[in-house]
């Protein structure tokens, strides 16, 4: 697939100029096209990953700090406290351990879980 995209890009680039590119120019254009393809593929993969995880509750015992920060009301300090308090037997332990207040917990309770 990448080769087809790369070949199409190279043929488009070659058709845009009346002069034949030298080998250095061709390598440079190929490197640029390859970098663009890699960047696009990575963005697509991240989007797919995010889509798969969007409907699943976030596991408090495995979530990264960045993932925790995407929860409503979770600050950097709170994310650190969640991580420091691991492991959790259930998500409500965030309240009983004083990491979150009950109203704060209510805002995210449907988005989190605690798996062992």
C-alpha atoms as a PDB file:
ATOM      1  CA  UNK A   1       0.000   0.000   0.000  1.00  0.00           C
ATOM      2  CA  UNK A   2       2.759   2.433   0.970  1.00  0.00           C
ATOM      3  CA  UNK A   3       4.670   1.602  -2.171  1.00  0.00           C
ATOM      4  CA  UNK A   4       1.650   2.427  -4.312  1.00  0.00           C
ATOM      5  CA  UNK A   5       1.164   5.749  -2.549  1.00  0.00           C
ATOM      6  CA  UNK A   6       4.860   6.505  -2.815  1.00  0.00           C
ATOM      7  CA  UNK A   7       4.899   5.605  -6.508  1.00  0.00           C
ATOM      8  CA  UNK A   8       1.878   7.836  -7.139  1.00  0.00           C
ATOM      9  CA  UNK A   9       3.501  10.725  -5.308  1.00  0.00           C
ATOM     10  CA  UNK A  10       6.741  10.299  -7.206  1.00  0.00           C
ATOM     11  CA  UNK A  11       4.988  10.172 -10.564  1.00  0.00           C
ATOM     12  CA  UNK A  12       3.058  13.325  -9.682  1.00  0.00           C
ATOM     13  CA  UNK A  13       6.240  15.051  -8.644  1.00  0.00           C
ATOM     14  CA  UNK A  14       8.028  13.945 -11.800  1.00  0.00           C
ATOM     15  CA  UNK A  15       5.165  15.190 -13.971  1.00  0.00           C
ATOM     16  CA  UNK A  16       5.260  18.662 -12.405  1.00  0.00           C
ATOM     17  CA  UNK A  17       8.655  19.578 -13.795  1.00  0.00           C
ATOM     18  CA  UNK A  18      10.062  19.689 -17.285  1.00  0.00           C
ATOM     19  CA  UNK A  19      13.549  18.808 -16.091  1.00  0.00           C
ATOM     20  CA  UNK A  20      14.527  15.337 -14.998  1.00  0.00           C
ATOM     21  CA  UNK A  21      15.440  15.373 -11.318  1.00  0.00           C
ATOM     22  CA  UNK A  22      18.919  14.198 -10.447  1.00  0.00           C
ATOM     23  CA  UNK A  23      19.349  11.288  -8.063  1.00  0.00           C
ATOM     24  CA  UNK A  24      19.858  13.551  -5.013  1.00  0.00           C
ATOM     25  CA  UNK A  25      16.652  15.449  -5.747  1.00  0.00           C
ATOM     26  CA  UNK A  26      14.816  12.194  -6.284  1.00  0.00           C
ATOM     27  CA  UNK A  27      16.077  10.815  -2.953  1.00  0.00           C
ATOM     28  CA  UNK A  28      15.061  14.015  -1.175  1.00  0.00           C
ATOM     29  CA  UNK A  29      11.567  13.994  -2.691  1.00  0.00           C
ATOM     30  CA  UNK A  30      11.228  10.292  -1.851  1.00  0.00           C
ATOM     31  CA  UNK A  31      12.268  10.944   1.750  1.00  0.00           C
ATOM     32  CA  UNK A  32       9.747  13.794   2.036  1.00  0.00           C
ATOM     33  CA  UNK A  33       6.954  11.658   0.579  1.00  0.00           C
ATOM     34  CA  UNK A  34       7.855   8.762   2.879  1.00  0.00           C
ATOM     35  CA  UNK A  35       7.821  11.043   5.925  1.00  0.00           C
ATOM     36  CA  UNK A  36       4.373  12.343   4.963  1.00  0.00           C
ATOM     37  CA  UNK A  37       3.043   8.808   4.504  1.00  0.00           C
ATOM     38  CA  UNK A  38       4.455   7.743   7.893  1.00  0.00           C
ATOM     39  CA  UNK A  39       2.974  10.788   9.593  1.00  0.00           C
ATOM     40  CA  UNK A  40      -0.437  10.161   8.053  1.00  0.00           C
ATOM     41  CA  UNK A  41      -0.353   6.471   8.956  1.00  0.00           C
ATOM     42  CA  UNK A  42       0.558   7.282  12.554  1.00  0.00           C
ATOM     43  CA  UNK A  43      -2.297   9.809  12.812  1.00  0.00           C
ATOM     44  CA  UNK A  44      -4.760   7.260  11.449  1.00  0.00           C
ATOM     45  CA  UNK A  45      -3.523   4.597  13.879  1.00  0.00           C
ATOM     46  CA  UNK A  46      -3.853   6.991  16.841  1.00  0.00           C
ATOM     47  CA  UNK A  47      -7.379   7.896  15.747  1.00  0.00           C
ATOM     48  CA  UNK A  48      -8.380   4.240  15.487  1.00  0.00           C
ATOM     49  CA  UNK A  49      -6.866   3.507  18.893  1.00  0.00           C
ATOM     50  CA  UNK A  50      -8.712   6.435  20.452  1.00  0.00           C
ATOM     51  CA  UNK A  51     -11.969   5.329  18.839  1.00  0.00           C
ATOM     52  CA  UNK A  52     -11.619   1.804  20.187  1.00  0.00           C
ATOM     53  CA  UNK A  53     -10.930   3.045  23.691  1.00  0.00           C
ATOM     54  CA  UNK A  54     -13.562   5.789  23.752  1.00  0.00           C
ATOM     55  CA  UNK A  55     -16.432   3.487  24.743  1.00  0.00           C
ATOM     56  CA  UNK A  56     -14.422   1.454  27.249  1.00  0.00           C
ATOM     57  CA  UNK A  57     -14.025   2.571  30.859  1.00  0.00           C
ATOM     58  CA  UNK A  58     -10.510   3.620  31.819  1.00  0.00           C
ATOM     59  CA  UNK A  59      -8.794   1.149  34.164  1.00  0.00           C
ATOM     60  CA  UNK A  60      -7.471   3.118  37.145  1.00  0.00           C
ATOM     61  CA  UNK A  61      -4.845   0.455  37.785  1.00  0.00           C
ATOM     62  CA  UNK A  62      -3.308   0.704  34.303  1.00  0.00           C
ATOM     63  CA  UNK A  63      -4.124   4.165  32.945  1.00  0.00           C
ATOM     64  CA  UNK A  64      -1.284   6.505  32.106  1.00  0.00           C
ATOM     65  CA  UNK A  65      -1.150  10.001  33.549  1.00  0.00           C
ATOM     66  CA  UNK A  66      -2.081  11.417  30.147  1.00  0.00           C
ATOM     67  CA  UNK A  67      -5.156   9.179  29.956  1.00  0.00           C
ATOM     68  CA  UNK A  68      -6.224  10.218  33.453  1.00  0.00           C
ATOM     69  CA  UNK A  69      -5.826  13.885  32.538  1.00  0.00           C
ATOM     70  CA  UNK A  70      -8.463  13.454  29.837  1.00  0.00           C
ATOM     71  CA  UNK A  71     -11.089  12.716  32.482  1.00  0.00           C
ATOM     72  CA  UNK A  72     -13.256  15.705  33.476  1.00  0.00           C
ATOM     73  CA  UNK A  73     -11.884  17.521  36.515  1.00  0.00           C
ATOM     74  CA  UNK A  74      -8.702  15.469  36.817  1.00  0.00           C
ATOM     75  CA  UNK A  75      -5.702  17.714  37.305  1.00  0.00           C
ATOM     76  CA  UNK A  76      -2.057  16.731  37.089  1.00  0.00           C
ATOM     77  CA  UNK A  77      -1.904  16.528  40.897  1.00  0.00           C
ATOM     78  CA  UNK A  78      -4.967  14.295  41.081  1.00  0.00           C
ATOM     79  CA  UNK A  79      -3.663  12.033  38.322  1.00  0.00           C
ATOM     80  CA  UNK A  80      -0.439  11.625  40.310  1.00  0.00           C
ATOM     81  CA  UNK A  81      -2.464  10.761  43.416  1.00  0.00           C
ATOM     82  CA  UNK A  82      -4.513   8.194  41.488  1.00  0.00           C
ATOM     83  CA  UNK A  83      -1.318   6.557  40.250  1.00  0.00           C
ATOM     84  CA  UNK A  84       0.321   6.653  43.696  1.00  0.00           C
ATOM     85  CA  UNK A  85      -2.708   4.963  45.273  1.00  0.00           C
ATOM     86  CA  UNK A  86      -2.669   1.879  43.065  1.00  0.00           C
ATOM     87  CA  UNK A  87      -3.921  -0.775  43.118  1.00  0.00           C
ATOM     88  CA  UNK A  88      -7.637  -0.191  43.520  1.00  0.00           C
ATOM     89  CA  UNK A  89     -10.168  -2.952  44.125  1.00  0.00           C
ATOM     90  CA  UNK A  90     -12.971  -0.745  42.817  1.00  0.00           C
ATOM     91  CA  UNK A  91     -13.294   2.724  41.343  1.00  0.00           C
ATOM     92  CA  UNK A  92     -15.173   4.155  44.329  1.00  0.00           C
ATOM     93  CA  UNK A  93     -11.984   3.793  46.381  1.00  0.00           C
ATOM     94  CA  UNK A  94     -10.999   7.145  44.858  1.00  0.00           C
ATOM     95  CA  UNK A  95     -13.551   8.670  47.242  1.00  0.00           C
ATOM     96  CA  UNK A  96     -12.849   6.495  50.289  1.00  0.00           C
ATOM     97  CA  UNK A  97      -9.102   7.194  49.968  1.00  0.00           C
ATOM     98  CA  UNK A  98      -9.688  10.944  49.615  1.00  0.00           C
ATOM     99  CA  UNK A  99      -8.360  11.266  46.075  1.00  0.00           C
ATOM    100  CA  UNK A 100     -11.682  12.685  44.841  1.00  0.00           C
ATOM    101  CA  UNK A 101     -14.776  14.069  46.485  1.00  0.00           C
ATOM    102  CA  UNK A 102     -18.096  12.316  45.896  1.00  0.00           C
ATOM    103  CA  UNK A 103     -19.320  15.010  43.438  1.00  0.00           C
ATOM    104  CA  UNK A 104     -16.048  14.787  41.484  1.00  0.00           C
ATOM    105  CA  UNK A 105     -16.321  11.014  41.403  1.00  0.00           C
ATOM    106  CA  UNK A 106     -19.924  11.219  40.168  1.00  0.00           C
ATOM    107  CA  UNK A 107     -18.742  13.150  37.090  1.00  0.00           C
ATOM    108  CA  UNK A 108     -16.410  10.360  35.969  1.00  0.00           C
ATOM    109  CA  UNK A 109     -17.775   7.161  37.498  1.00  0.00           C
ATOM    110  CA  UNK A 110     -19.155   5.925  34.157  1.00  0.00           C
ATOM    111  CA  UNK A 111     -15.783   6.451  32.498  1.00  0.00           C
ATOM    112  CA  UNK A 112     -13.595   4.498  34.950  1.00  0.00           C
ATOM    113  CA  UNK A 113     -13.150   1.023  36.353  1.00  0.00           C
ATOM    114  CA  UNK A 114     -10.642  -0.823  38.525  1.00  0.00           C
ATOM    115  CA  UNK A 115      -9.558  -4.232  37.272  1.00  0.00           C
ATOM    116  CA  UNK A 116      -7.098  -6.482  39.073  1.00  0.00           C
END
